[in-house]
C-alpha atoms as a PDB file:
ATOM      1  CA  MET A   1      39.109 -30.728  30.651  1.00  0.00           C
ATOM      2  CA  GLY A   2      38.346 -27.048  31.162  1.00  0.00           C
ATOM      3  CA  LYS A   3      34.946 -25.548  30.571  1.00  0.00           C
ATOM      4  CA  LYS A   4      34.285 -24.675  26.950  1.00  0.00           C
ATOM      5  CA  TYR A   5      34.145 -20.921  26.430  1.00  0.00           C
ATOM      6  CA  ASP A   6      31.101 -19.465  24.683  1.00  0.00           C
ATOM      7  CA  ARG A   7      31.283 -15.893  23.503  1.00  0.00           C
ATOM      8  CA  LEU A   8      29.099 -13.264  25.098  1.00  0.00           C
ATOM      9  CA  GLY A   9      25.854 -12.779  23.222  1.00  0.00           C
ATOM     10  CA  LEU A  10      23.905  -9.593  22.548  1.00  0.00           C
ATOM     11  CA  ASN A  11      21.356 -10.349  25.290  1.00  0.00           C
ATOM     12  CA  GLU A  12      24.198 -10.737  27.801  1.00  0.00           C
ATOM     13  CA  ARG A  13      25.722  -7.450  26.673  1.00  0.00           C
ATOM     14  CA  ILE A  14      22.348  -5.756  27.171  1.00  0.00           C
ATOM     15  CA  GLU A  15      22.236  -7.155  30.709  1.00  0.00           C
ATOM     16  CA  ILE A  16      25.797  -5.943  31.342  1.00  0.00           C
ATOM     17  CA  GLU A  17      24.830  -2.420  30.230  1.00  0.00           C
ATOM     18  CA  LYS A  18      21.757  -2.486  32.465  1.00  0.00           C
ATOM     19  CA  LEU A  19      23.581  -3.849  35.509  1.00  0.00           C
ATOM     20  CA  LEU A  20      26.424  -1.352  35.103  1.00  0.00           C
ATOM     21  CA  SER A  21      23.815   1.417  35.222  1.00  0.00           C
ATOM     22  CA  HIS A  22      22.719  -0.026  38.579  1.00  0.00           C
ATOM     23  CA  LYS A  23      26.317   0.269  39.882  1.00  0.00           C
ATOM     24  CA  LEU A  24      26.936  -3.479  40.256  1.00  0.00           C
ATOM     25  CA  SER A  25      30.518  -4.718  40.420  1.00  0.00           C
ATOM     26  CA  TYR A  26      32.092  -6.935  37.762  1.00  0.00           C
ATOM     27  CA  ALA A  27      31.942  -9.877  40.168  1.00  0.00           C
ATOM     28  CA  GLU A  28      28.225  -9.330  40.871  1.00  0.00           C
ATOM     29  CA  ILE A  29      27.440  -9.023  37.161  1.00  0.00           C
ATOM     30  CA  GLY A  30      29.439 -12.177  36.474  1.00  0.00           C
ATOM     31  CA  ARG A  31      27.473 -14.141  39.075  1.00  0.00           C
ATOM     32  CA  LYS A  32      24.138 -13.005  37.629  1.00  0.00           C
ATOM     33  CA  LEU A  33      25.180 -14.014  34.099  1.00  0.00           C
ATOM     34  CA  GLY A  34      27.051 -17.167  35.072  1.00  0.00           C
ATOM     35  CA  ARG A  35      30.307 -15.666  33.790  1.00  0.00           C
ATOM     36  CA  SER A  36      33.678 -15.042  35.381  1.00  0.00           C
ATOM     37  CA  LYS A  37      34.587 -11.612  36.704  1.00  0.00           C
ATOM     38  CA  SER A  38      37.482 -11.415  34.206  1.00  0.00           C
ATOM     39  CA  THR A  39      35.145 -12.049  31.255  1.00  0.00           C
ATOM     40  CA  ILE A  40      32.947  -9.112  32.258  1.00  0.00           C
ATOM     41  CA  GLN A  41      35.994  -6.945  32.957  1.00  0.00           C
ATOM     42  CA  ARG A  42      37.544  -7.654  29.539  1.00  0.00           C
ATOM     43  CA  GLU A  43      34.272  -6.914  27.779  1.00  0.00           C
ATOM     44  CA  VAL A  44      33.722  -3.570  29.544  1.00  0.00           C
ATOM     45  CA  ALA A  45      37.381  -2.516  29.216  1.00  0.00           C
ATOM     46  CA  LYS A  46      36.982  -2.229  25.438  1.00  0.00           C
ATOM     47  CA  GLN A  47      34.794   0.845  25.959  1.00  0.00           C
ATOM     48  CA  GLY A  48      35.130   1.867  29.590  1.00  0.00           C
ATOM     49  CA  ARG A  49      32.685   1.383  32.435  1.00  0.00           C
ATOM     50  CA  LYS A  50      30.990   4.777  32.092  1.00  0.00           C
ATOM     51  CA  LYS A  51      30.683   4.597  28.297  1.00  0.00           C
ATOM     52  CA  TYR A  52      29.737   0.939  27.838  1.00  0.00           C
ATOM     53  CA  LYS A  53      26.950   0.269  25.307  1.00  0.00           C
ATOM     54  CA  ALA A  54      25.665  -3.181  24.403  1.00  0.00           C
ATOM     55  CA  SER A  55      25.202  -2.300  20.739  1.00  0.00           C
ATOM     56  CA  LYS A  56      28.777  -1.054  20.418  1.00  0.00           C
ATOM     57  CA  GLY A  57      30.097  -4.131  22.234  1.00  0.00           C
ATOM     58  CA  GLU A  58      28.309  -6.390  19.751  1.00  0.00           C
ATOM     59  CA  HIS A  59      29.598  -4.305  16.858  1.00  0.00           C
ATOM     60  CA  ILE A  60      33.175  -4.557  18.144  1.00  0.00           C
ATOM     61  CA  TYR A  61      32.869  -8.339  18.367  1.00  0.00           C
ATOM     62  CA  ILE A  62      31.377  -8.694  14.888  1.00  0.00           C
ATOM     63  CA  SER A  63      34.005  -6.404  13.387  1.00  0.00           C
ATOM     64  CA  ASN A  64      36.860  -8.341  15.009  1.00  0.00           C
ATOM     65  CA  TYR A  65      35.323 -11.660  14.036  1.00  0.00           C
ATOM     66  CA  SER A  66      34.707 -10.603  10.467  1.00  0.00           C
ATOM     67  CA  GLN A  67      38.326  -9.470  10.051  1.00  0.00           C
ATOM     68  CA  LYS A  68      39.422 -13.044  10.783  1.00  0.00           C
ATOM     69  CA  ARG A  69      37.157 -14.554   8.167  1.00  0.00           C
ATOM     70  CA  TRP A  70      36.633 -11.702   5.710  1.00  0.00           C
ATOM     71  CA  ASN A  71      37.760 -13.763   2.749  1.00  0.00           C
ATOM     72  CA  ARG A  72      35.696 -16.765   3.844  1.00  0.00           C
ATOM     73  CA  SER A  73      32.227 -15.246   3.493  1.00  0.00           C
ATOM     74  CA  LYS A  74      30.192 -18.084   1.968  1.00  0.00           C
ATOM     75  CA  ILE A  75      28.066 -15.745  -0.126  1.00  0.00           C
ATOM     76  CA  LYS A  76      31.078 -13.905  -1.546  1.00  0.00           C
ATOM     77  CA  LEU A  77      32.696 -17.195  -2.570  1.00  0.00           C
ATOM     78  CA  ASN A  78      29.659 -18.663  -4.344  1.00  0.00           C
ATOM     79  CA  LEU A  79      28.181 -16.609  -7.188  1.00  0.00           C
ATOM     80  CA  GLU A  80      25.152 -18.898  -7.558  1.00  0.00           C
ATOM     81  CA  LEU A  81      24.372 -18.662  -3.842  1.00  0.00           C
ATOM     82  CA  GLU A  82      24.910 -14.893  -3.892  1.00  0.00           C
ATOM     83  CA  LYS A  83      22.525 -14.505  -6.832  1.00  0.00           C
ATOM     84  CA  TYR A  84      19.833 -16.563  -5.064  1.00  0.00           C
ATOM     85  CA  VAL A  85      20.150 -14.662  -1.772  1.00  0.00           C
ATOM     86  CA  MET A  86      20.183 -11.233  -3.445  1.00  0.00           C
ATOM     87  CA  ASN A  87      17.142 -12.133  -5.557  1.00  0.00           C
ATOM     88  CA  LYS A  88      15.119 -13.262  -2.544  1.00  0.00           C
ATOM     89  CA  LEU A  89      16.130 -10.246  -0.462  1.00  0.00           C
ATOM     90  CA  ASP A  90      14.919  -8.091  -3.339  1.00  0.00           C
ATOM     91  CA  LEU A  91      11.563  -9.907  -3.069  1.00  0.00           C
ATOM     92  CA  ARG A  92      11.413  -8.974   0.634  1.00  0.00           C
ATOM     93  CA  TRP A  93      12.137 -12.481   1.885  1.00  0.00           C
ATOM     94  CA  SER A  94      13.610 -12.609   5.385  1.00  0.00           C
ATOM     95  CA  PRO A  95      17.043 -14.233   5.916  1.00  0.00           C
ATOM     96  CA  MET A  96      15.273 -17.026   7.828  1.00  0.00           C
ATOM     97  CA  GLN A  97      12.916 -17.716   4.909  1.00  0.00           C
ATOM     98  CA  ILE A  98      15.853 -17.756   2.490  1.00  0.00           C
ATOM     99  CA  SER A  99      17.845 -20.142   4.680  1.00  0.00           C
ATOM    100  CA  ILE A 100      14.967 -22.600   5.098  1.00  0.00           C
ATOM    101  CA  LYS A 101      14.064 -22.586   1.396  1.00  0.00           C
ATOM    102  CA  LEU A 102      17.701 -23.204   0.400  1.00  0.00           C
ATOM    103  CA  LYS A 103      17.786 -26.326   2.583  1.00  0.00           C
ATOM    104  CA  GLU A 104      14.594 -27.569   0.915  1.00  0.00           C
ATOM    105  CA  LYS A 105      15.798 -26.742  -2.599  1.00  0.00           C
ATOM    106  CA  TYR A 106      19.355 -28.106  -2.156  1.00  0.00           C
ATOM    107  CA  PRO A 107      19.054 -30.797   0.569  1.00  0.00           C
ATOM    108  CA  THR A 108      22.346 -32.526  -0.336  1.00  0.00           C
ATOM    109  CA  ASP A 109      24.386 -29.540  -1.554  1.00  0.00           C
ATOM    110  CA  LYS A 110      26.014 -27.872   1.442  1.00  0.00           C
ATOM    111  CA  THR A 111      27.572 -25.196  -0.791  1.00  0.00           C
ATOM    112  CA  MET A 112      24.052 -23.893  -1.490  1.00  0.00           C
ATOM    113  CA  GLN A 113      22.966 -23.837   2.150  1.00  0.00           C
ATOM    114  CA  ILE A 114      23.575 -20.955   4.530  1.00  0.00           C
ATOM    115  CA  SER A 115      22.253 -19.976   7.954  1.00  0.00           C
ATOM    116  CA  HIS A 116      20.114 -16.889   8.448  1.00  0.00           C
ATOM    117  CA  GLU A 117      22.755 -15.446  10.777  1.00  0.00           C
ATOM    118  CA  ALA A 118      25.368 -15.779   8.025  1.00  0.00           C
ATOM    119  CA  ILE A 119      23.067 -13.813   5.710  1.00  0.00           C
ATOM    120  CA  TYR A 120      22.710 -11.103   8.344  1.00  0.00           C
ATOM    121  CA  MET A 121      26.501 -11.139   8.761  1.00  0.00           C
ATOM    122  CA  TYR A 122      26.889 -10.555   5.035  1.00  0.00           C
ATOM    123  CA  ILE A 123      24.379  -7.691   5.036  1.00  0.00           C
ATOM    124  CA  TYR A 124      25.726  -5.871   8.084  1.00  0.00           C
ATOM    125  CA  VAL A 125      29.446  -6.641   7.827  1.00  0.00           C
ATOM    126  CA  HIS A 126      30.643  -7.968   4.477  1.00  0.00           C
ATOM    127  CA  ALA A 127      28.587  -5.920   2.027  1.00  0.00           C
ATOM    128  CA  LYS A 128      30.017  -2.634   0.778  1.00  0.00           C
ATOM    129  CA  GLN A 129      28.424   0.466   2.293  1.00  0.00           C
ATOM    130  CA  GLU A 130      26.214   1.323  -0.701  1.00  0.00           C
ATOM    131  CA  LEU A 131      24.964  -2.263  -0.990  1.00  0.00           C
ATOM    132  CA  LYS A 132      24.541  -2.541   2.792  1.00  0.00           C
ATOM    133  CA  ILE A 133      22.212   0.481   2.814  1.00  0.00           C
ATOM    134  CA  GLU A 134      20.074  -1.000   0.040  1.00  0.00           C
ATOM    135  CA  LEU A 135      19.954  -4.469   1.631  1.00  0.00           C
ATOM    136  CA  ILE A 136      18.909  -3.101   5.024  1.00  0.00           C
ATOM    137  CA  LYS A 137      16.042  -1.254   3.323  1.00  0.00           C
ATOM    138  CA  GLN A 138      14.764  -4.625   2.118  1.00  0.00           C
ATOM    139  CA  LEU A 139      14.600  -6.060   5.658  1.00  0.00           C
ATOM    140  CA  ARG A 140      11.344  -5.706   7.565  1.00  0.00           C
ATOM    141  CA  GLN A 141      12.974  -4.163  10.668  1.00  0.00           C
ATOM    142  CA  LYS A 142      15.392  -1.919   8.685  1.00  0.00           C
ATOM    143  CA  ARG A 143      17.697  -1.597  11.712  1.00  0.00           C
ATOM    144  CA  ARG A 144      21.094   0.047  11.299  1.00  0.00           C
ATOM    145  CA  TYR A 145      22.620  -2.609  13.559  1.00  0.00           C
ATOM    146  CA  ARG A 146      21.943  -6.312  13.941  1.00  0.00           C
ATOM    147  CA  GLY A 147      19.914  -7.150  17.050  1.00  0.00           C
ATOM    148  CA  ASN A 148      17.228  -5.669  19.268  1.00  0.00           C
ATOM    149  CA  VAL A 149      19.058  -3.226  21.519  1.00  0.00           C
ATOM    150  CA  ARG A 150      17.638  -0.959  24.184  1.00  0.00           C
ATOM    151  CA  ARG A 151      19.917   1.830  25.293  1.00  0.00           C
ATOM    152  CA  GLY A 152      20.383   3.514  28.644  1.00  0.00           C
ATOM    153  CA  LYS A 153      19.119   2.460  32.025  1.00  0.00           C
ATOM    154  CA  ASP A 154      16.476  -0.201  32.391  1.00  0.00           C
ATOM    155  CA  LYS A 155      13.235   1.735  32.718  1.00  0.00           C
ATOM    156  CA  ARG A 156      10.946  -1.269  32.420  1.00  0.00           C
ATOM    157  CA  THR A 157      10.961  -2.285  36.064  1.00  0.00           C
ATOM    158  CA  THR A 158       7.842  -0.479  37.306  1.00  0.00           C
ATOM    159  CA  ILE A 159       5.540  -3.533  37.269  1.00  0.00           C
ATOM    160  CA  VAL A 160       4.558  -4.472  40.815  1.00  0.00           C
ATOM    161  CA  ASP A 161       4.085  -8.196  41.535  1.00  0.00           C
ATOM    162  CA  PRO A 162       4.297  -9.415  37.937  1.00  0.00           C
ATOM    163  CA  ILE A 163       3.316 -13.038  37.249  1.00  0.00           C
ATOM    164  CA  ARG A 164       6.006 -14.348  34.925  1.00  0.00           C
ATOM    165  CA  ILE A 165       5.423 -16.339  31.769  1.00  0.00           C
ATOM    166  CA  ASP A 166       6.890 -19.415  33.513  1.00  0.00           C
ATOM    167  CA  GLU A 167       3.667 -19.655  35.558  1.00  0.00           C
ATOM    168  CA  ARG A 168       1.427 -19.621  32.496  1.00  0.00           C
ATOM    169  CA  PRO A 169      -0.761 -22.737  32.027  1.00  0.00           C
ATOM    170  CA  GLU A 170       0.680 -25.353  29.689  1.00  0.00           C
ATOM    171  CA  GLU A 171      -2.405 -25.052  27.483  1.00  0.00           C
ATOM    172  CA  VAL A 172      -1.238 -21.616  26.316  1.00  0.00           C
ATOM    173  CA  LYS A 173       1.866 -22.983  24.581  1.00  0.00           C
ATOM    174  CA  GLY A 174       0.042 -25.415  22.319  1.00  0.00           C
ATOM    175  CA  ARG A 175      -2.493 -22.951  20.858  1.00  0.00           C
ATOM    176  CA  LEU A 176      -5.141 -25.705  20.895  1.00  0.00           C
ATOM    177  CA  ILE A 177      -7.283 -23.941  23.473  1.00  0.00           C
ATOM    178  CA  PRO A 178      -8.391 -20.482  22.266  1.00  0.00           C
ATOM    179  CA  GLY A 179      -8.776 -17.382  24.373  1.00  0.00           C
ATOM    180  CA  HIS A 180      -5.132 -16.633  25.124  1.00  0.00           C
ATOM    181  CA  TRP A 181      -3.892 -13.237  23.946  1.00  0.00           C
ATOM    182  CA  GLU A 182      -0.617 -11.362  23.540  1.00  0.00           C
ATOM    183  CA  GLY A 183      -0.464  -7.585  23.913  1.00  0.00           C
ATOM    184  CA  ASP A 184       1.858  -4.689  23.144  1.00  0.00           C
ATOM    185  CA  LEU A 185       2.062  -1.035  22.114  1.00  0.00           C
ATOM    186  CA  ILE A 186       3.327   0.309  18.796  1.00  0.00           C
ATOM    187  CA  LEU A 187       4.905   3.719  19.291  1.00  0.00           C
ATOM    188  CA  GLY A 188       4.521   6.590  16.869  1.00  0.00           C
ATOM    189  CA  LYS A 189       6.671   9.520  15.809  1.00  0.00           C
ATOM    190  CA  ASP A 190       9.069  10.694  18.536  1.00  0.00           C
ATOM    191  CA  ARG A 191       7.392   8.200  20.904  1.00  0.00           C
ATOM    192  CA  THR A 192       4.688  10.783  21.620  1.00  0.00           C
ATOM    193  CA  SER A 193       1.768   8.726  20.295  1.00  0.00           C
ATOM    194  CA  ALA A 194       0.885   5.043  20.275  1.00  0.00           C
ATOM    195  CA  ILE A 195      -1.665   2.368  19.495  1.00  0.00           C
ATOM    196  CA  GLY A 196      -2.278  -0.911  21.288  1.00  0.00           C
ATOM    197  CA  THR A 197      -2.304  -4.339  19.646  1.00  0.00           C
ATOM    198  CA  LEU A 198      -3.981  -7.425  21.082  1.00  0.00           C
ATOM    199  CA  VAL A 199      -3.623 -10.737  19.232  1.00  0.00           C
ATOM    200  CA  GLU A 200      -5.371 -14.031  19.978  1.00  0.00           C
ATOM    201  CA  ARG A 201      -2.830 -16.858  19.740  1.00  0.00           C
ATOM    202  CA  THR A 202      -4.997 -19.614  18.235  1.00  0.00           C
ATOM    203  CA  THR A 203      -6.902 -17.651  15.566  1.00  0.00           C
ATOM    204  CA  ARG A 204      -4.357 -14.825  15.018  1.00  0.00           C
ATOM    205  CA  THR A 205      -7.233 -12.364  15.382  1.00  0.00           C
ATOM    206  CA  ILE A 206      -5.894  -8.858  16.003  1.00  0.00           C
ATOM    207  CA  ILE A 207      -7.497  -5.927  17.797  1.00  0.00           C
ATOM    208  CA  ILE A 208      -5.967  -2.501  17.151  1.00  0.00           C
ATOM    209  CA  VAL A 209      -6.630  -0.223  20.111  1.00  0.00           C
ATOM    210  CA  PRO A 210      -6.770   3.577  19.663  1.00  0.00           C
ATOM    211  CA  LEU A 211      -4.985   5.419  22.481  1.00  0.00           C
ATOM    212  CA  LYS A 212      -5.111   9.106  23.369  1.00  0.00           C
ATOM    213  CA  THR A 213      -2.183   8.663  25.767  1.00  0.00           C
ATOM    214  CA  ARG A 214      -0.090   5.687  26.817  1.00  0.00           C
ATOM    215  CA  ASP A 215      -0.077   6.012  30.611  1.00  0.00           C
ATOM    216  CA  ALA A 216      -1.100   2.949  32.598  1.00  0.00           C
ATOM    217  CA  ALA A 217      -4.630   4.120  33.412  1.00  0.00           C
ATOM    218  CA  SER A 218      -5.462   5.092  29.823  1.00  0.00           C
ATOM    219  CA  VAL A 219      -4.117   1.831  28.413  1.00  0.00           C
ATOM    220  CA  ARG A 220      -6.006  -0.250  30.989  1.00  0.00           C
ATOM    221  CA  LYS A 221      -9.293   1.522  30.242  1.00  0.00           C
ATOM    222  CA  ALA A 222      -8.826   1.184  26.481  1.00  0.00           C
ATOM    223  CA  PHE A 223      -7.979  -2.525  26.711  1.00  0.00           C
ATOM    224  CA  VAL A 224     -10.895  -3.214  29.077  1.00  0.00           C
ATOM    225  CA  LYS A 225     -13.244  -1.462  26.646  1.00  0.00           C
ATOM    226  CA  GLU A 226     -12.092  -3.647  23.747  1.00  0.00           C
ATOM    227  CA  PHE A 227     -12.364  -6.884  25.723  1.00  0.00           C
ATOM    228  CA  LYS A 228     -15.954  -6.099  26.702  1.00  0.00           C
ATOM    229  CA  LEU A 229     -16.816  -6.879  23.075  1.00  0.00           C
ATOM    230  CA  ILE A 230     -15.174 -10.316  23.190  1.00  0.00           C
ATOM    231  CA  PRO A 231     -17.198 -13.448  24.170  1.00  0.00           C
ATOM    232  CA  LYS A 232     -16.384 -14.838  27.603  1.00  0.00           C
ATOM    233  CA  GLN A 233     -14.975 -18.147  26.312  1.00  0.00           C
ATOM    234  CA  MET A 234     -12.350 -16.213  24.339  1.00  0.00           C
ATOM    235  CA  LYS A 235     -10.977 -14.388  27.382  1.00  0.00           C
ATOM    236  CA  ARG A 236      -8.548 -16.570  29.322  1.00  0.00           C
ATOM    237  CA  SER A 237      -5.151 -14.860  29.553  1.00  0.00           C
ATOM    238  CA  MET A 238      -2.894 -12.186  28.131  1.00  0.00           C
ATOM    239  CA  THR A 239       0.899 -12.223  27.837  1.00  0.00           C
ATOM    240  CA  TYR A 240       2.580  -8.814  27.908  1.00  0.00           C
ATOM    241  CA  ASP A 241       6.084  -7.406  27.980  1.00  0.00           C
ATOM    242  CA  ASN A 242       7.395  -5.285  30.859  1.00  0.00           C
ATOM    243  CA  GLY A 243       6.200  -1.896  29.653  1.00  0.00           C
ATOM    244  CA  SER A 244       5.032   0.440  32.408  1.00  0.00           C
ATOM    245  CA  GLU A 245       1.740   0.963  30.541  1.00  0.00           C
ATOM    246  CA  MET A 246       0.589  -2.375  31.997  1.00  0.00           C
ATOM    247  CA  ALA A 247       1.344  -1.308  35.577  1.00  0.00           C
ATOM    248  CA  GLU A 248      -2.378  -1.551  36.427  1.00  0.00           C
ATOM    249  CA  HIS A 249      -2.501  -5.231  35.471  1.00  0.00           C
ATOM    250  CA  LYS A 250      -4.178  -6.252  38.727  1.00  0.00           C
ATOM    251  CA  LEU A 251      -7.070  -3.863  38.171  1.00  0.00           C
ATOM    252  CA  PHE A 252      -7.269  -4.975  34.533  1.00  0.00           C
ATOM    253  CA  THR A 253      -7.589  -8.610  35.667  1.00  0.00           C
ATOM    254  CA  LYS A 254     -10.232  -7.667  38.232  1.00  0.00           C
ATOM    255  CA  GLN A 255     -12.311  -5.866  35.595  1.00  0.00           C
ATOM    256  CA  THR A 256     -11.948  -8.438  32.790  1.00  0.00           C
ATOM    257  CA  LYS A 257     -11.218 -11.735  34.611  1.00  0.00           C
ATOM    258  CA  ILE A 258      -8.231 -12.108  32.244  1.00  0.00           C
ATOM    259  CA  ALA A 259      -4.983 -13.223  33.876  1.00  0.00           C
ATOM    260  CA  VAL A 260      -1.915 -11.215  32.782  1.00  0.00           C
ATOM    261  CA  TYR A 261       1.501 -12.864  32.449  1.00  0.00           C
ATOM    262  CA  PHE A 262       4.719 -10.948  31.808  1.00  0.00           C
ATOM    263  CA  THR A 263       7.606 -12.026  29.602  1.00  0.00           C
ATOM    264  CA  HIS A 264      11.196 -11.868  30.757  1.00  0.00           C
ATOM    265  CA  PRO A 265      12.964  -8.539  30.105  1.00  0.00           C
ATOM    266  CA  TYR A 266      14.194  -8.063  26.533  1.00  0.00           C
ATOM    267  CA  SER A 267      12.519 -11.265  25.300  1.00  0.00           C
ATOM    268  CA  PRO A 268      10.137 -10.290  22.465  1.00  0.00           C
ATOM    269  CA  TRP A 269      10.309 -13.852  21.127  1.00  0.00           C
ATOM    270  CA  GLU A 270       8.150 -14.887  24.099  1.00  0.00           C
ATOM    271  CA  ARG A 271       5.269 -13.055  22.355  1.00  0.00           C
ATOM    272  CA  PRO A 272       5.831 -14.372  18.805  1.00  0.00           C
ATOM    273  CA  THR A 273       2.265 -13.949  17.553  1.00  0.00           C
ATOM    274  CA  ASN A 274       2.134 -10.332  18.672  1.00  0.00           C
ATOM    275  CA  GLU A 275       5.583  -9.527  17.278  1.00  0.00           C
ATOM    276  CA  ASN A 276       4.619 -10.905  13.871  1.00  0.00           C
ATOM    277  CA  SER A 277       1.289  -9.087  13.884  1.00  0.00           C
ATOM    278  CA  ASN A 278       2.974  -5.800  14.791  1.00  0.00           C
ATOM    279  CA  GLY A 279       5.087  -6.237  11.668  1.00  0.00           C
ATOM    280  CA  LEU A 280       1.911  -6.570   9.607  1.00  0.00           C
ATOM    281  CA  VAL A 281       0.486  -3.422  11.171  1.00  0.00           C
ATOM    282  CA  ARG A 282       3.722  -1.582  10.372  1.00  0.00           C
ATOM    283  CA  ASP A 283       3.099  -2.281   6.686  1.00  0.00           C
ATOM    284  CA  TYR A 284       0.201   0.170   7.001  1.00  0.00           C
ATOM    285  CA  PHE A 285       1.745   2.520   9.563  1.00  0.00           C
ATOM    286  CA  PRO A 286       5.555   2.685   9.106  1.00  0.00           C
ATOM    287  CA  LYS A 287       7.924   4.074  11.694  1.00  0.00           C
ATOM    288  CA  GLY A 288       7.502   7.808  12.029  1.00  0.00           C
ATOM    289  CA  THR A 289       3.695   7.654  11.838  1.00  0.00           C
ATOM    290  CA  ASP A 290       1.926  10.144  14.087  1.00  0.00           C
ATOM    291  CA  PHE A 291      -0.884   8.008  15.494  1.00  0.00           C
ATOM    292  CA  SER A 292      -2.636  11.053  16.938  1.00  0.00           C
ATOM    293  CA  SER A 293      -3.479  11.989  13.346  1.00  0.00           C
ATOM    294  CA  ILE A 294      -4.880   8.539  12.485  1.00  0.00           C
ATOM    295  CA  SER A 295      -8.629   8.219  12.990  1.00  0.00           C
ATOM    296  CA  LYS A 296     -10.235   5.372  14.905  1.00  0.00           C
ATOM    297  CA  ALA A 297     -12.122   4.490  11.721  1.00  0.00           C
ATOM    298  CA  ARG A 298      -8.846   4.033   9.824  1.00  0.00           C
ATOM    299  CA  LEU A 299      -7.361   1.879  12.599  1.00  0.00           C
ATOM    300  CA  LYS A 300     -10.411  -0.381  12.585  1.00  0.00           C
ATOM    301  CA  GLU A 301     -10.339  -0.528   8.784  1.00  0.00           C
ATOM    302  CA  VAL A 302      -6.777  -1.892   8.957  1.00  0.00           C
ATOM    303  CA  GLN A 303      -7.816  -4.269  11.753  1.00  0.00           C
ATOM    304  CA  ASN A 304     -10.604  -5.667   9.583  1.00  0.00           C
ATOM    305  CA  GLN A 305      -8.330  -6.036   6.562  1.00  0.00           C
ATOM    306  CA  LEU A 306      -5.819  -8.051   8.604  1.00  0.00           C
ATOM    307  CA  ASN A 307      -8.531 -10.235  10.137  1.00  0.00           C
ATOM    308  CA  GLU A 308     -10.027 -10.921   6.699  1.00  0.00           C
ATOM    309  CA  ARG A 309      -6.697 -11.866   5.073  1.00  0.00           C
ATOM    310  CA  PRO A 310      -6.206 -15.630   4.435  1.00  0.00           C
ATOM    311  CA  ARG A 311      -3.337 -17.095   6.445  1.00  0.00           C
ATOM    312  CA  LYS A 312      -1.260 -20.138   5.573  1.00  0.00           C
ATOM    313  CA  VAL A 313      -0.942 -21.050   9.264  1.00  0.00           C
ATOM    314  CA  LEU A 314      -4.774 -21.278   9.366  1.00  0.00           C
ATOM    315  CA  ASN A 315      -4.954 -23.495   6.260  1.00  0.00           C
ATOM    316  CA  TRP A 316      -5.780 -20.395   4.222  1.00  0.00           C
ATOM    317  CA  LYS A 317      -8.774 -19.460   6.325  1.00  0.00           C
ATOM    318  CA  THR A 318      -8.970 -15.947   7.712  1.00  0.00           C
ATOM    319  CA  PRO A 319      -8.609 -15.110  11.433  1.00  0.00           C
ATOM    320  CA  LYS A 320     -12.184 -13.839  11.373  1.00  0.00           C
ATOM    321  CA  GLU A 321     -13.484 -17.138   9.969  1.00  0.00           C
ATOM    322  CA  VAL A 322     -11.632 -19.271  12.519  1.00  0.00           C
ATOM    323  CA  PHE A 323     -12.661 -16.989  15.404  1.00  0.00           C
ATOM    324  CA  GLU A 324     -16.331 -17.147  14.383  1.00  0.00           C
ATOM    325  CA  GLU A 325     -16.185 -20.936  13.925  1.00  0.00           C
ATOM    326  CA  ILE A 326     -14.910 -21.334  17.484  1.00  0.00           C
ATOM    327  CA  ILE A 327     -17.666 -19.095  18.866  1.00  0.00           C
ATOM    328  CA  LEU A 328     -20.355 -20.913  16.860  1.00  0.00           C
ATOM    329  CA  ASN A 329     -19.150 -24.331  18.032  1.00  0.00           C
ATOM    330  CA  LYS A 330     -19.132 -23.170  21.637  1.00  0.00           C
ATOM    331  CA  ILE A 331     -22.697 -21.966  21.312  1.00  0.00           C
ATOM    332  CA  ASN A 332     -23.884 -25.135  19.587  1.00  0.00           C
END
């Protein structure tokens, strides 16, 4: 029996775009992705080697796929399901939250269950243009296209000797041992300003870091300054993406004794706590914010509000309460 064919995914298309920019052949790209040369060639031929974009490739696939099953959209065929989904989207529920709650509410009724991807498919493909625009506004990310796509050449390869997330201690994954952090930048208007975010995985405590500039030296100094205020037992590791602002990770580790681990390229889900916390920060500072005009006092005010907000994942305690309990227990 021949090998079952799985369609190319968005992450693979992103890799294809990146590797094409590095002048690799179809055969070389295929070997890196575990795909045949002909699969890569067929994918690129739809746009042309010089014009290939991952986002457009994904859009072409979705459009072709949706044409085959246009009249079989589950939401369009079930008025009760459509009403439920539309109502929850209007309440700012995510497609994942809607999907999970439907399974809980209708455990034996498959007609009232739908995957989160099918909801996204409805929003981005099946909905009429006017409705699509309104539905996208109700999503947290508000992206024009489905997926997290970076365009152009891969510029996030300036980290020298990165220690990958695979080498992280097992204790980090379970969240039982505190002191492990995730870090990132949130970019402002026209990518000319930024703030840093540092989130402790166990307590969900967030530190918002003011930044004058986002070069590697400035970011390192700002992060080191913030960590000086953190008790020693709460400083074990930090997981970061591949942004060039963390290029001075070795010096950062030397100055703070905090080991830095890097995620795989284009894998934001490997920093889930930080990604979620960045979404909370964006509620205060939406896209287009000029962070150079936001005072340090305002940033710390937002930081305190987030750390003093009860969280279900913490049994309705606040991050501040859990963080302080851990410190107190360590002292006692």
